[in-house]
Amino acid sequence: MKELTTKEEEIMQFFWDEGPLFVKQLVDKYPDPKPHFNTLSTYVRALEEKEFLAHESFGTTYRYFPIVQAAEYQSRTLKNVVKKYFNNSYLNVVNSFIKSENVSIDDIRKLLDEVEKSAEK
């Protein structure tokens, strides 16, 4: 799966939250000052090329819809971060949080309880 830019992730969030959209509807979702139609159209076409969106035709216009779900993207992104920054070790991730975020003993116990519950399933 290809990586997305911050702006592409922002746009995908609209599709994940709202479902299928025309570019005009996407423009309307933004607060003022709204981005230009052509700018968003370029991003949407790029997302289609990256196979995150597909479209269906309505006359001379297209309605776009997500073909990658948010949970799938989040999971793959997390795996890439763990691989790239934590030597592919979730233990290193947890250790990093414990050291840098001052995680309490109670939070660690809760985490262990959750891990044990999920391991039982």
PDB file of N, CA and C in Angstrom:
ATOM      1  N   MET A   1       0.839  -1.172   0.000  1.00  0.00           N
ATOM      2  CA  MET A   1       0.000   0.000   0.000  1.00  0.00           C
ATOM      3  C   MET A   1       0.888   1.239   0.000  1.00  0.00           C
ATOM      4  N   LYS A   2       0.553   2.172  -0.847  1.00  0.00           N
ATOM      5  CA  LYS A   2       1.343   3.387  -0.953  1.00  0.00           C
ATOM      6  C   LYS A   2       1.053   4.318   0.219  1.00  0.00           C
ATOM      7  N   GLU A   3       2.045   5.137   0.545  1.00  0.00           N
ATOM      8  CA  GLU A   3       1.877   6.109   1.621  1.00  0.00           C
ATOM      9  C   GLU A   3       1.132   7.331   1.101  1.00  0.00           C
ATOM     10  N   LEU A   4       0.435   7.983   2.012  1.00  0.00           N
ATOM     11  CA  LEU A   4      -0.299   9.186   1.673  1.00  0.00           C
ATOM     12  C   LEU A   4       0.370  10.403   2.300  1.00  0.00           C
ATOM     13  N   THR A   5       0.242  11.531   1.618  1.00  0.00           N
ATOM     14  CA  THR A   5       0.693  12.787   2.191  1.00  0.00           C
ATOM     15  C   THR A   5      -0.320  13.219   3.250  1.00  0.00           C
ATOM     16  N   THR A   6       0.042  14.210   4.029  1.00  0.00           N
ATOM     17  CA  THR A   6      -0.870  14.731   5.049  1.00  0.00           C
ATOM     18  C   THR A   6      -2.163  15.223   4.412  1.00  0.00           C
ATOM     19  N   LYS A   7      -2.063  15.924   3.309  1.00  0.00           N
ATOM     20  CA  LYS A   7      -3.253  16.448   2.623  1.00  0.00           C
ATOM     21  C   LYS A   7      -4.105  15.299   2.074  1.00  0.00           C
ATOM     22  N   GLU A   8      -3.476  14.278   1.529  1.00  0.00           N
ATOM     23  CA  GLU A   8      -4.223  13.134   1.018  1.00  0.00           C
ATOM     24  C   GLU A   8      -4.956  12.413   2.153  1.00  0.00           C
ATOM     25  N   GLU A   9      -4.301  12.287   3.307  1.00  0.00           N
ATOM     26  CA  GLU A   9      -4.965  11.675   4.461  1.00  0.00           C
ATOM     27  C   GLU A   9      -6.168  12.508   4.892  1.00  0.00           C
ATOM     28  N   GLU A  10      -6.000  13.815   4.882  1.00  0.00           N
ATOM     29  CA  GLU A  10      -7.104  14.719   5.236  1.00  0.00           C
ATOM     30  C   GLU A  10      -8.297  14.499   4.312  1.00  0.00           C
ATOM     31  N   ILE A  11      -8.033  14.417   3.033  1.00  0.00           N
ATOM     32  CA  ILE A  11      -9.100  14.211   2.050  1.00  0.00           C
ATOM     33  C   ILE A  11      -9.728  12.831   2.221  1.00  0.00           C
ATOM     34  N   MET A  12      -8.903  11.823   2.424  1.00  0.00           N
ATOM     35  CA  MET A  12      -9.444  10.471   2.627  1.00  0.00           C
ATOM     36  C   MET A  12     -10.346  10.429   3.845  1.00  0.00           C
ATOM     37  N   GLN A  13     -10.025  11.210   4.879  1.00  0.00           N
ATOM     38  CA  GLN A  13     -10.858  11.214   6.082  1.00  0.00           C
ATOM     39  C   GLN A  13     -12.286  11.646   5.764  1.00  0.00           C
ATOM     40  N   PHE A  14     -12.452  12.596   4.849  1.00  0.00           N
ATOM     41  CA  PHE A  14     -13.793  12.989   4.422  1.00  0.00           C
ATOM     42  C   PHE A  14     -14.523  11.809   3.791  1.00  0.00           C
ATOM     43  N   PHE A  15     -13.829  11.065   2.935  1.00  0.00           N
ATOM     44  CA  PHE A  15     -14.466   9.914   2.287  1.00  0.00           C
ATOM     45  C   PHE A  15     -14.776   8.814   3.295  1.00  0.00           C
ATOM     46  N   TRP A  16     -13.867   8.580   4.245  1.00  0.00           N
ATOM     47  CA  TRP A  16     -14.122   7.565   5.266  1.00  0.00           C
ATOM     48  C   TRP A  16     -15.283   7.973   6.160  1.00  0.00           C
ATOM     49  N   ASP A  17     -15.408   9.249   6.455  1.00  0.00           N
ATOM     50  CA  ASP A  17     -16.488   9.716   7.325  1.00  0.00           C
ATOM     51  C   ASP A  17     -17.823   9.827   6.599  1.00  0.00           C
ATOM     52  N   GLU A  18     -17.785  10.269   5.356  1.00  0.00           N
ATOM     53  CA  GLU A  18     -19.012  10.609   4.636  1.00  0.00           C
ATOM     54  C   GLU A  18     -19.449   9.578   3.606  1.00  0.00           C
ATOM     55  N   GLY A  19     -18.526   8.772   3.097  1.00  0.00           N
ATOM     56  CA  GLY A  19     -18.861   7.854   2.019  1.00  0.00           C
ATOM     57  C   GLY A  19     -18.648   8.521   0.671  1.00  0.00           C
ATOM     58  N   PRO A  20     -19.335   8.040  -0.368  1.00  0.00           N
ATOM     59  CA  PRO A  20     -19.129   8.574  -1.715  1.00  0.00           C
ATOM     60  C   PRO A  20     -19.413  10.076  -1.799  1.00  0.00           C
ATOM     61  N   LEU A  21     -18.549  10.772  -2.546  1.00  0.00           N
ATOM     62  CA  LEU A  21     -18.680  12.225  -2.701  1.00  0.00           C
ATOM     63  C   LEU A  21     -18.297  12.644  -4.117  1.00  0.00           C
ATOM     64  N   PHE A  22     -18.976  13.665  -4.607  1.00  0.00           N
ATOM     65  CA  PHE A  22     -18.522  14.381  -5.790  1.00  0.00           C
ATOM     66  C   PHE A  22     -17.481  15.391  -5.313  1.00  0.00           C
ATOM     67  N   VAL A  23     -16.594  15.825  -6.184  1.00  0.00           N
ATOM     68  CA  VAL A  23     -15.569  16.787  -5.788  1.00  0.00           C
ATOM     69  C   VAL A  23     -16.225  18.066  -5.265  1.00  0.00           C
ATOM     70  N   LYS A  24     -17.325  18.482  -5.873  1.00  0.00           N
ATOM     71  CA  LYS A  24     -18.045  19.688  -5.417  1.00  0.00           C
ATOM     72  C   LYS A  24     -18.496  19.518  -3.968  1.00  0.00           C
ATOM     73  N   GLN A  25     -18.983  18.332  -3.612  1.00  0.00           N
ATOM     74  CA  GLN A  25     -19.389  18.076  -2.225  1.00  0.00           C
ATOM     75  C   GLN A  25     -18.179  18.114  -1.294  1.00  0.00           C
ATOM     76  N   LEU A  26     -17.054  17.616  -1.781  1.00  0.00           N
ATOM     77  CA  LEU A  26     -15.827  17.637  -0.997  1.00  0.00           C
ATOM     78  C   LEU A  26     -15.413  19.084  -0.710  1.00  0.00           C
ATOM     79  N   VAL A  27     -15.467  19.929  -1.714  1.00  0.00           N
ATOM     80  CA  VAL A  27     -15.149  21.351  -1.537  1.00  0.00           C
ATOM     81  C   VAL A  27     -16.044  21.941  -0.445  1.00  0.00           C
ATOM     82  N   ASP A  28     -17.331  21.612  -0.489  1.00  0.00           N
ATOM     83  CA  ASP A  28     -18.286  22.162   0.474  1.00  0.00           C
ATOM     84  C   ASP A  28     -18.019  21.720   1.915  1.00  0.00           C
ATOM     85  N   LYS A  29     -17.317  20.614   2.114  1.00  0.00           N
ATOM     86  CA  LYS A  29     -17.001  20.120   3.460  1.00  0.00           C
ATOM     87  C   LYS A  29     -15.950  20.981   4.159  1.00  0.00           C
ATOM     88  N   TYR A  30     -15.183  21.722   3.399  1.00  0.00           N
ATOM     89  CA  TYR A  30     -14.110  22.540   3.960  1.00  0.00           C
ATOM     90  C   TYR A  30     -14.654  23.864   4.479  1.00  0.00           C
ATOM     91  N   PRO A  31     -14.042  24.359   5.567  1.00  0.00           N
ATOM     92  CA  PRO A  31     -14.416  25.698   6.038  1.00  0.00           C
ATOM     93  C   PRO A  31     -13.833  26.764   5.115  1.00  0.00           C
ATOM     94  N   ASP A  32     -14.323  27.967   5.241  1.00  0.00           N
ATOM     95  CA  ASP A  32     -13.767  29.079   4.466  1.00  0.00           C
ATOM     96  C   ASP A  32     -12.395  29.440   4.995  1.00  0.00           C
ATOM     97  N   PRO A  33     -11.468  29.820   4.192  1.00  0.00           N
ATOM     98  CA  PRO A  33     -11.536  29.843   2.724  1.00  0.00           C
ATOM     99  C   PRO A  33     -11.403  28.426   2.156  1.00  0.00           C
ATOM    100  N   LYS A  34     -12.341  28.076   1.329  1.00  0.00           N
ATOM    101  CA  LYS A  34     -12.382  26.734   0.749  1.00  0.00           C
ATOM    102  C   LYS A  34     -11.279  26.555  -0.291  1.00  0.00           C
ATOM    103  N   PRO A  35     -10.731  25.337  -0.370  1.00  0.00           N
ATOM    104  CA  PRO A  35      -9.750  25.082  -1.433  1.00  0.00           C
ATOM    105  C   PRO A  35     -10.439  25.126  -2.797  1.00  0.00           C
ATOM    106  N   HIS A  36      -9.668  25.399  -3.809  1.00  0.00           N
ATOM    107  CA  HIS A  36     -10.202  25.479  -5.169  1.00  0.00           C
ATOM    108  C   HIS A  36     -10.623  24.093  -5.646  1.00  0.00           C
ATOM    109  N   PHE A  37     -11.699  24.058  -6.414  1.00  0.00           N
ATOM    110  CA  PHE A  37     -12.217  22.808  -6.979  1.00  0.00           C
ATOM    111  C   PHE A  37     -11.125  22.033  -7.712  1.00  0.00           C
ATOM    112  N   ASN A  38     -10.352  22.724  -8.565  1.00  0.00           N
ATOM    113  CA  ASN A  38      -9.326  22.041  -9.359  1.00  0.00           C
ATOM    114  C   ASN A  38      -8.230  21.430  -8.484  1.00  0.00           C
ATOM    115  N   THR A  39      -7.915  22.103  -7.376  1.00  0.00           N
ATOM    116  CA  THR A  39      -6.902  21.586  -6.459  1.00  0.00           C
ATOM    117  C   THR A  39      -7.365  20.271  -5.857  1.00  0.00           C
ATOM    118  N   LEU A  40      -8.593  20.252  -5.348  1.00  0.00           N
ATOM    119  CA  LEU A  40      -9.114  19.019  -4.757  1.00  0.00           C
ATOM    120  C   LEU A  40      -9.300  17.934  -5.808  1.00  0.00           C
ATOM    121  N   SER A  41      -9.697  18.327  -6.989  1.00  0.00           N
ATOM    122  CA  SER A  41      -9.857  17.366  -8.073  1.00  0.00           C
ATOM    123  C   SER A  41      -8.529  16.679  -8.393  1.00  0.00           C
ATOM    124  N   THR A  42      -7.449  17.428  -8.365  1.00  0.00           N
ATOM    125  CA  THR A  42      -6.119  16.864  -8.608  1.00  0.00           C
ATOM    126  C   THR A  42      -5.761  15.859  -7.525  1.00  0.00           C
ATOM    127  N   TYR A  43      -6.023  16.212  -6.266  1.00  0.00           N
ATOM    128  CA  TYR A  43      -5.747  15.286  -5.165  1.00  0.00           C
ATOM    129  C   TYR A  43      -6.595  14.016  -5.279  1.00  0.00           C
ATOM    130  N   VAL A  44      -7.849  14.183  -5.607  1.00  0.00           N
ATOM    131  CA  VAL A  44      -8.751  13.033  -5.717  1.00  0.00           C
ATOM    132  C   VAL A  44      -8.287  12.089  -6.826  1.00  0.00           C
ATOM    133  N   ARG A  45      -7.880  12.642  -7.954  1.00  0.00           N
ATOM    134  CA  ARG A  45      -7.371  11.799  -9.046  1.00  0.00           C
ATOM    135  C   ARG A  45      -6.092  11.086  -8.623  1.00  0.00           C
ATOM    136  N   ALA A  46      -5.238  11.767  -7.850  1.00  0.00           N
ATOM    137  CA  ALA A  46      -4.020  11.126  -7.349  1.00  0.00           C
ATOM    138  C   ALA A  46      -4.369   9.983  -6.401  1.00  0.00           C
ATOM    139  N   LEU A  47      -5.379  10.179  -5.571  1.00  0.00           N
ATOM    140  CA  LEU A  47      -5.817   9.118  -4.663  1.00  0.00           C
ATOM    141  C   LEU A  47      -6.400   7.935  -5.428  1.00  0.00           C
ATOM    142  N   GLU A  48      -7.018   8.222  -6.542  1.00  0.00           N
ATOM    143  CA  GLU A  48      -7.524   7.144  -7.393  1.00  0.00           C
ATOM    144  C   GLU A  48      -6.350   6.393  -8.035  1.00  0.00           C
ATOM    145  N   GLU A  49      -5.339   7.115  -8.474  1.00  0.00           N
ATOM    146  CA  GLU A  49      -4.150   6.467  -9.053  1.00  0.00           C
ATOM    147  C   GLU A  49      -3.433   5.603  -8.019  1.00  0.00           C
ATOM    148  N   LYS A  50      -3.438   6.039  -6.760  1.00  0.00           N
ATOM    149  CA  LYS A  50      -2.826   5.267  -5.689  1.00  0.00           C
ATOM    150  C   LYS A  50      -3.723   4.127  -5.202  1.00  0.00           C
ATOM    151  N   GLU A  51      -4.888   4.011  -5.815  1.00  0.00           N
ATOM    152  CA  GLU A  51      -5.867   2.955  -5.527  1.00  0.00           C
ATOM    153  C   GLU A  51      -6.456   3.040  -4.122  1.00  0.00           C
ATOM    154  N   PHE A  52      -6.694   4.284  -3.674  1.00  0.00           N
ATOM    155  CA  PHE A  52      -7.416   4.511  -2.431  1.00  0.00           C
ATOM    156  C   PHE A  52      -8.874   4.858  -2.720  1.00  0.00           C
ATOM    157  N   LEU A  53      -9.115   5.432  -3.884  1.00  0.00           N
ATOM    158  CA  LEU A  53     -10.457   5.798  -4.318  1.00  0.00           C
ATOM    159  C   LEU A  53     -10.750   5.168  -5.664  1.00  0.00           C
ATOM    160  N   ALA A  54     -12.038   5.002  -5.937  1.00  0.00           N
ATOM    161  CA  ALA A  54     -12.519   4.624  -7.269  1.00  0.00           C
ATOM    162  C   ALA A  54     -13.689   5.558  -7.562  1.00  0.00           C
ATOM    163  N   HIS A  55     -14.211   5.484  -8.780  1.00  0.00           N
ATOM    164  CA  HIS A  55     -15.319   6.379  -9.109  1.00  0.00           C
ATOM    165  C   HIS A  55     -16.390   5.650  -9.900  1.00  0.00           C
ATOM    166  N   GLU A  56     -17.569   6.266  -9.867  1.00  0.00           N
ATOM    167  CA  GLU A  56     -18.655   5.846 -10.739  1.00  0.00           C
ATOM    168  C   GLU A  56     -19.114   7.080 -11.507  1.00  0.00           C
ATOM    169  N   SER A  57     -19.480   6.880 -12.758  1.00  0.00           N
ATOM    170  CA  SER A  57     -19.849   7.995 -13.628  1.00  0.00           C
ATOM    171  C   SER A  57     -21.309   8.373 -13.467  1.00  0.00           C
ATOM    172  N   PHE A  58     -21.556   9.669 -13.475  1.00  0.00           N
ATOM    173  CA  PHE A  58     -22.901  10.236 -13.501  1.00  0.00           C
ATOM    174  C   PHE A  58     -22.886  11.289 -14.595  1.00  0.00           C
ATOM    175  N   GLY A  59     -23.176  10.871 -15.790  1.00  0.00           N
ATOM    176  CA  GLY A  59     -23.103  11.784 -16.927  1.00  0.00           C
ATOM    177  C   GLY A  59     -21.659  12.174 -17.172  1.00  0.00           C
ATOM    178  N   THR A  60     -21.402  13.475 -17.063  1.00  0.00           N
ATOM    179  CA  THR A  60     -20.044  13.964 -17.320  1.00  0.00           C
ATOM    180  C   THR A  60     -19.250  14.177 -16.030  1.00  0.00           C
ATOM    181  N   THR A  61     -19.787  13.738 -14.910  1.00  0.00           N
ATOM    182  CA  THR A  61     -19.086  13.930 -13.643  1.00  0.00           C
ATOM    183  C   THR A  61     -18.897  12.585 -12.949  1.00  0.00           C
ATOM    184  N   TYR A  62     -18.014  12.581 -11.983  1.00  0.00           N
ATOM    185  CA  TYR A  62     -17.699  11.352 -11.250  1.00  0.00           C
ATOM    186  C   TYR A  62     -18.008  11.523  -9.767  1.00  0.00           C
ATOM    187  N   ARG A  63     -18.497  10.440  -9.190  1.00  0.00           N
ATOM    188  CA  ARG A  63     -18.635  10.370  -7.737  1.00  0.00           C
ATOM    189  C   ARG A  63     -17.600   9.365  -7.256  1.00  0.00           C
ATOM    190  N   TYR A  64     -16.774   9.796  -6.311  1.00  0.00           N
ATOM    191  CA  TYR A  64     -15.663   8.981  -5.824  1.00  0.00           C
ATOM    192  C   TYR A  64     -16.044   8.302  -4.515  1.00  0.00           C
ATOM    193  N   PHE A  65     -15.471   7.127  -4.299  1.00  0.00           N
ATOM    194  CA  PHE A  65     -15.728   6.382  -3.068  1.00  0.00           C
ATOM    195  C   PHE A  65     -14.458   5.650  -2.645  1.00  0.00           C
ATOM    196  N   PRO A  66     -14.293   5.447  -1.336  1.00  0.00           N
ATOM    197  CA  PRO A  66     -13.070   4.783  -0.854  1.00  0.00           C
ATOM    198  C   PRO A  66     -13.079   3.290  -1.162  1.00  0.00           C
ATOM    199  N   ILE A  67     -11.929   2.782  -1.561  1.00  0.00           N
ATOM    200  CA  ILE A  67     -11.784   1.334  -1.739  1.00  0.00           C
ATOM    201  C   ILE A  67     -10.794   0.764  -0.731  1.00  0.00           C
ATOM    202  N   VAL A  68     -10.162   1.640   0.031  1.00  0.00           N
ATOM    203  CA  VAL A  68      -9.338   1.243   1.169  1.00  0.00           C
ATOM    204  C   VAL A  68     -10.054   1.781   2.399  1.00  0.00           C
ATOM    205  N   GLN A  69     -10.331   0.919   3.352  1.00  0.00           N
ATOM    206  CA  GLN A  69     -11.026   1.338   4.563  1.00  0.00           C
ATOM    207  C   GLN A  69     -10.051   1.985   5.546  1.00  0.00           C
ATOM    208  N   ALA A  70     -10.568   2.857   6.392  1.00  0.00           N
ATOM    209  CA  ALA A  70      -9.738   3.591   7.349  1.00  0.00           C
ATOM    210  C   ALA A  70      -8.959   2.640   8.258  1.00  0.00           C
ATOM    211  N   ALA A  71      -9.623   1.609   8.754  1.00  0.00           N
ATOM    212  CA  ALA A  71      -8.960   0.667   9.675  1.00  0.00           C
ATOM    213  C   ALA A  71      -7.798  -0.046   8.994  1.00  0.00           C
ATOM    214  N   GLU A  72      -7.982  -0.389   7.730  1.00  0.00           N
ATOM    215  CA  GLU A  72      -6.910  -1.057   6.983  1.00  0.00           C
ATOM    216  C   GLU A  72      -5.711  -0.126   6.819  1.00  0.00           C
ATOM    217  N   TYR A  73      -5.983   1.137   6.472  1.00  0.00           N
ATOM    218  CA  TYR A  73      -4.896   2.103   6.306  1.00  0.00           C
ATOM    219  C   TYR A  73      -4.185   2.352   7.630  1.00  0.00           C
ATOM    220  N   GLN A  74      -4.941   2.522   8.702  1.00  0.00           N
ATOM    221  CA  GLN A  74      -4.350   2.761  10.017  1.00  0.00           C
ATOM    222  C   GLN A  74      -3.468   1.591  10.437  1.00  0.00           C
ATOM    223  N   SER A  75      -3.948   0.388  10.221  1.00  0.00           N
ATOM    224  CA  SER A  75      -3.184  -0.798  10.606  1.00  0.00           C
ATOM    225  C   SER A  75      -1.872  -0.873   9.829  1.00  0.00           C
ATOM    226  N   ARG A  76      -1.942  -0.652   8.528  1.00  0.00           N
ATOM    227  CA  ARG A  76      -0.725  -0.709   7.709  1.00  0.00           C
ATOM    228  C   ARG A  76       0.240   0.414   8.058  1.00  0.00           C
ATOM    229  N   THR A  77      -0.299   1.586   8.349  1.00  0.00           N
ATOM    230  CA  THR A  77       0.548   2.712   8.721  1.00  0.00           C
ATOM    231  C   THR A  77       1.258   2.433  10.039  1.00  0.00           C
ATOM    232  N   LEU A  78       0.521   1.883  10.999  1.00  0.00           N
ATOM    233  CA  LEU A  78       1.129   1.538  12.281  1.00  0.00           C
ATOM    234  C   LEU A  78       2.236   0.506  12.095  1.00  0.00           C
ATOM    235  N   LYS A  79       1.972  -0.504  11.284  1.00  0.00           N
ATOM    236  CA  LYS A  79       2.995  -1.517  11.029  1.00  0.00           C
ATOM    237  C   LYS A  79       4.235  -0.903  10.397  1.00  0.00           C
ATOM    238  N   ASN A  80       4.046   0.036   9.488  1.00  0.00           N
ATOM    239  CA  ASN A  80       5.188   0.700   8.853  1.00  0.00           C
ATOM    240  C   ASN A  80       5.986   1.531   9.848  1.00  0.00           C
ATOM    241  N   VAL A  81       5.302   2.219  10.755  1.00  0.00           N
ATOM    242  CA  VAL A  81       5.993   3.009  11.771  1.00  0.00           C
ATOM    243  C   VAL A  81       6.793   2.100  12.693  1.00  0.00           C
ATOM    244  N   VAL A  82       6.179   1.005  13.116  1.00  0.00           N
ATOM    245  CA  VAL A  82       6.867   0.061  14.002  1.00  0.00           C
ATOM    246  C   VAL A  82       8.099  -0.508  13.302  1.00  0.00           C
ATOM    247  N   LYS A  83       7.948  -0.846  12.042  1.00  0.00           N
ATOM    248  CA  LYS A  83       9.073  -1.401  11.279  1.00  0.00           C
ATOM    249  C   LYS A  83      10.175  -0.373  11.093  1.00  0.00           C
ATOM    250  N   LYS A  84       9.788   0.837  10.722  1.00  0.00           N
ATOM    251  CA  LYS A  84      10.760   1.871  10.372  1.00  0.00           C
ATOM    252  C   LYS A  84      11.469   2.461  11.592  1.00  0.00           C
ATOM    253  N   TYR A  85      10.742   2.699  12.671  1.00  0.00           N
ATOM    254  CA  TYR A  85      11.302   3.437  13.798  1.00  0.00           C
ATOM    255  C   TYR A  85      11.577   2.587  15.036  1.00  0.00           C
ATOM    256  N   PHE A  86      11.044   1.372  15.093  1.00  0.00           N
ATOM    257  CA  PHE A  86      11.172   0.571  16.305  1.00  0.00           C
ATOM    258  C   PHE A  86      11.714  -0.827  16.036  1.00  0.00           C
ATOM    259  N   ASN A  87      12.489  -0.954  14.955  1.00  0.00           N
ATOM    260  CA  ASN A  87      13.140  -2.222  14.635  1.00  0.00           C
ATOM    261  C   ASN A  87      12.145  -3.378  14.560  1.00  0.00           C
ATOM    262  N   ASN A  88      10.950  -3.074  14.061  1.00  0.00           N
ATOM    263  CA  ASN A  88       9.892  -4.071  13.865  1.00  0.00           C
ATOM    264  C   ASN A  88       9.488  -4.758  15.175  1.00  0.00           C
ATOM    265  N   SER A  89       9.590  -4.028  16.277  1.00  0.00           N
ATOM    266  CA  SER A  89       9.298  -4.606  17.590  1.00  0.00           C
ATOM    267  C   SER A  89       8.246  -3.773  18.325  1.00  0.00           C
ATOM    268  N   TYR A  90       7.102  -4.405  18.592  1.00  0.00           N
ATOM    269  CA  TYR A  90       6.075  -3.723  19.368  1.00  0.00           C
ATOM    270  C   TYR A  90       6.530  -3.536  20.819  1.00  0.00           C
ATOM    271  N   LEU A  91       7.382  -4.408  21.287  1.00  0.00           N
ATOM    272  CA  LEU A  91       7.946  -4.248  22.624  1.00  0.00           C
ATOM    273  C   LEU A  91       8.745  -2.948  22.706  1.00  0.00           C
ATOM    274  N   ASN A  92       9.493  -2.643  21.646  1.00  0.00           N
ATOM    275  CA  ASN A  92      10.226  -1.372  21.615  1.00  0.00           C
ATOM    276  C   ASN A  92       9.273  -0.174  21.627  1.00  0.00           C
ATOM    277  N   VAL A  93       8.132  -0.325  20.972  1.00  0.00           N
ATOM    278  CA  VAL A  93       7.133   0.755  20.974  1.00  0.00           C
ATOM    279  C   VAL A  93       6.643   0.991  22.397  1.00  0.00           C
ATOM    280  N   VAL A  94       6.256  -0.086  23.067  1.00  0.00           N
ATOM    281  CA  VAL A  94       5.744   0.031  24.428  1.00  0.00           C
ATOM    282  C   VAL A  94       6.816   0.604  25.349  1.00  0.00           C
ATOM    283  N   ASN A  95       8.033   0.113  25.228  1.00  0.00           N
ATOM    284  CA  ASN A  95       9.131   0.645  26.041  1.00  0.00           C
ATOM    285  C   ASN A  95       9.325   2.140  25.810  1.00  0.00           C
ATOM    286  N   SER A  96       9.221   2.550  24.571  1.00  0.00           N
ATOM    287  CA  SER A  96       9.372   3.966  24.241  1.00  0.00           C
ATOM    288  C   SER A  96       8.289   4.796  24.921  1.00  0.00           C
ATOM    289  N   PHE A  97       7.046   4.317  24.870  1.00  0.00           N
ATOM    290  CA  PHE A  97       5.961   5.042  25.533  1.00  0.00           C
ATOM    291  C   PHE A  97       6.168   5.099  27.042  1.00  0.00           C
ATOM    292  N   ILE A  98       6.598   4.004  27.611  1.00  0.00           N
ATOM    293  CA  ILE A  98       6.812   3.962  29.058  1.00  0.00           C
ATOM    294  C   ILE A  98       7.884   4.970  29.456  1.00  0.00           C
ATOM    295  N   LYS A  99       8.952   5.020  28.705  1.00  0.00           N
ATOM    296  CA  LYS A  99      10.057   5.921  29.039  1.00  0.00           C
ATOM    297  C   LYS A  99       9.724   7.390  28.767  1.00  0.00           C
ATOM    298  N   SER A 100       9.091   7.655  27.655  1.00  0.00           N
ATOM    299  CA  SER A 100       8.896   9.047  27.260  1.00  0.00           C
ATOM    300  C   SER A 100       7.593   9.660  27.758  1.00  0.00           C
ATOM    301  N   GLU A 101       6.608   8.869  28.029  1.00  0.00           N
ATOM    302  CA  GLU A 101       5.300   9.403  28.378  1.00  0.00           C
ATOM    303  C   GLU A 101       4.968   9.261  29.862  1.00  0.00           C
ATOM    304  N   ASN A 102       5.906   8.757  30.658  1.00  0.00           N
ATOM    305  CA  ASN A 102       5.660   8.577  32.078  1.00  0.00           C
ATOM    306  C   ASN A 102       4.373   7.788  32.336  1.00  0.00           C
ATOM    307  N   VAL A 103       4.272   6.653  31.704  1.00  0.00           N
ATOM    308  CA  VAL A 103       3.113   5.788  31.863  1.00  0.00           C
ATOM    309  C   VAL A 103       3.119   5.236  33.282  1.00  0.00           C
ATOM    310  N   SER A 104       1.958   5.274  33.918  1.00  0.00           N
ATOM    311  CA  SER A 104       1.858   4.816  35.297  1.00  0.00           C
ATOM    312  C   SER A 104       1.853   3.288  35.369  1.00  0.00           C
ATOM    313  N   ILE A 105       2.138   2.784  36.539  1.00  0.00           N
ATOM    314  CA  ILE A 105       2.090   1.338  36.785  1.00  0.00           C
ATOM    315  C   ILE A 105       0.676   0.828  36.537  1.00  0.00           C
ATOM    316  N   ASP A 106      -0.328   1.604  36.934  1.00  0.00           N
ATOM    317  CA  ASP A 106      -1.725   1.200  36.703  1.00  0.00           C
ATOM    318  C   ASP A 106      -2.020   1.064  35.214  1.00  0.00           C
ATOM    319  N   ASP A 107      -1.503   1.996  34.411  1.00  0.00           N
ATOM    320  CA  ASP A 107      -1.709   1.913  32.964  1.00  0.00           C
ATOM    321  C   ASP A 107      -1.025   0.676  32.385  1.00  0.00           C
ATOM    322  N   ILE A 108       0.153   0.364  32.888  1.00  0.00           N
ATOM    323  CA  ILE A 108       0.868  -0.834  32.420  1.00  0.00           C
ATOM    324  C   ILE A 108       0.079  -2.086  32.777  1.00  0.00           C
ATOM    325  N   ARG A 109      -0.475  -2.115  33.986  1.00  0.00           N
ATOM    326  CA  ARG A 109      -1.299  -3.264  34.395  1.00  0.00           C
ATOM    327  C   ARG A 109      -2.527  -3.400  33.500  1.00  0.00           C
ATOM    328  N   LYS A 110      -3.169  -2.278  33.182  1.00  0.00           N
ATOM    329  CA  LYS A 110      -4.342  -2.309  32.290  1.00  0.00           C
ATOM    330  C   LYS A 110      -3.943  -2.841  30.914  1.00  0.00           C
ATOM    331  N   LEU A 111      -2.805  -2.396  30.425  1.00  0.00           N
ATOM    332  CA  LEU A 111      -2.318  -2.870  29.139  1.00  0.00           C
ATOM    333  C   LEU A 111      -2.065  -4.374  29.168  1.00  0.00           C
ATOM    334  N   LEU A 112      -1.430  -4.843  30.222  1.00  0.00           N
ATOM    335  CA  LEU A 112      -1.183  -6.284  30.358  1.00  0.00           C
ATOM    336  C   LEU A 112      -2.489  -7.065  30.425  1.00  0.00           C
ATOM    337  N   ASP A 113      -3.481  -6.537  31.139  1.00  0.00           N
ATOM    338  CA  ASP A 113      -4.789  -7.191  31.205  1.00  0.00           C
ATOM    339  C   ASP A 113      -5.409  -7.306  29.814  1.00  0.00           C
ATOM    340  N   GLU A 114      -5.328  -6.230  29.029  1.00  0.00           N
ATOM    341  CA  GLU A 114      -5.875  -6.240  27.671  1.00  0.00           C
ATOM    342  C   GLU A 114      -5.148  -7.257  26.788  1.00  0.00           C
ATOM    343  N   VAL A 115      -3.829  -7.312  26.912  1.00  0.00           N
ATOM    344  CA  VAL A 115      -3.048  -8.269  26.127  1.00  0.00           C
ATOM    345  C   VAL A 115      -3.432  -9.689  26.503  1.00  0.00           C
ATOM    346  N   GLU A 116      -3.575  -9.944  27.792  1.00  0.00           N
ATOM    347  CA  GLU A 116      -3.946 -11.289  28.237  1.00  0.00           C
ATOM    348  C   GLU A 116      -5.346 -11.657  27.728  1.00  0.00           C
ATOM    349  N   LYS A 117      -6.279 -10.728  27.778  1.00  0.00           N
ATOM    350  CA  LYS A 117      -7.648 -10.991  27.298  1.00  0.00           C
ATOM    351  C   LYS A 117      -7.645 -11.309  25.813  1.00  0.00           C
ATOM    352  N   SER A 118      -6.894 -10.547  25.045  1.00  0.00           N
ATOM    353  CA  SER A 118      -6.868 -10.785  23.595  1.00  0.00           C
ATOM    354  C   SER A 118      -6.149 -12.076  23.254  1.00  0.00           C
ATOM    355  N   ALA A 119      -5.176 -12.481  24.092  1.00  0.00           N
ATOM    356  CA  ALA A 119      -4.450 -13.738  23.849  1.00  0.00           C
ATOM    357  C   ALA A 119      -5.331 -14.953  24.129  1.00  0.00           C
ATOM    358  N   GLU A 120      -6.312 -14.788  25.010  1.00  0.00           N
ATOM    359  CA  GLU A 120      -7.223 -15.876  25.352  1.00  0.00           C
ATOM    360  C   GLU A 120      -8.224 -16.159  24.242  1.00  0.00           C
ATOM    361  N   LYS A 121      -8.460 -15.197  23.393  1.00  0.00           N
ATOM    362  CA  LYS A 121      -9.474 -15.353  22.330  1.00  0.00           C
ATOM    363  C   LYS A 121      -9.027 -16.251  21.236  1.00  0.00           C
TER     364      LYS A 121
END
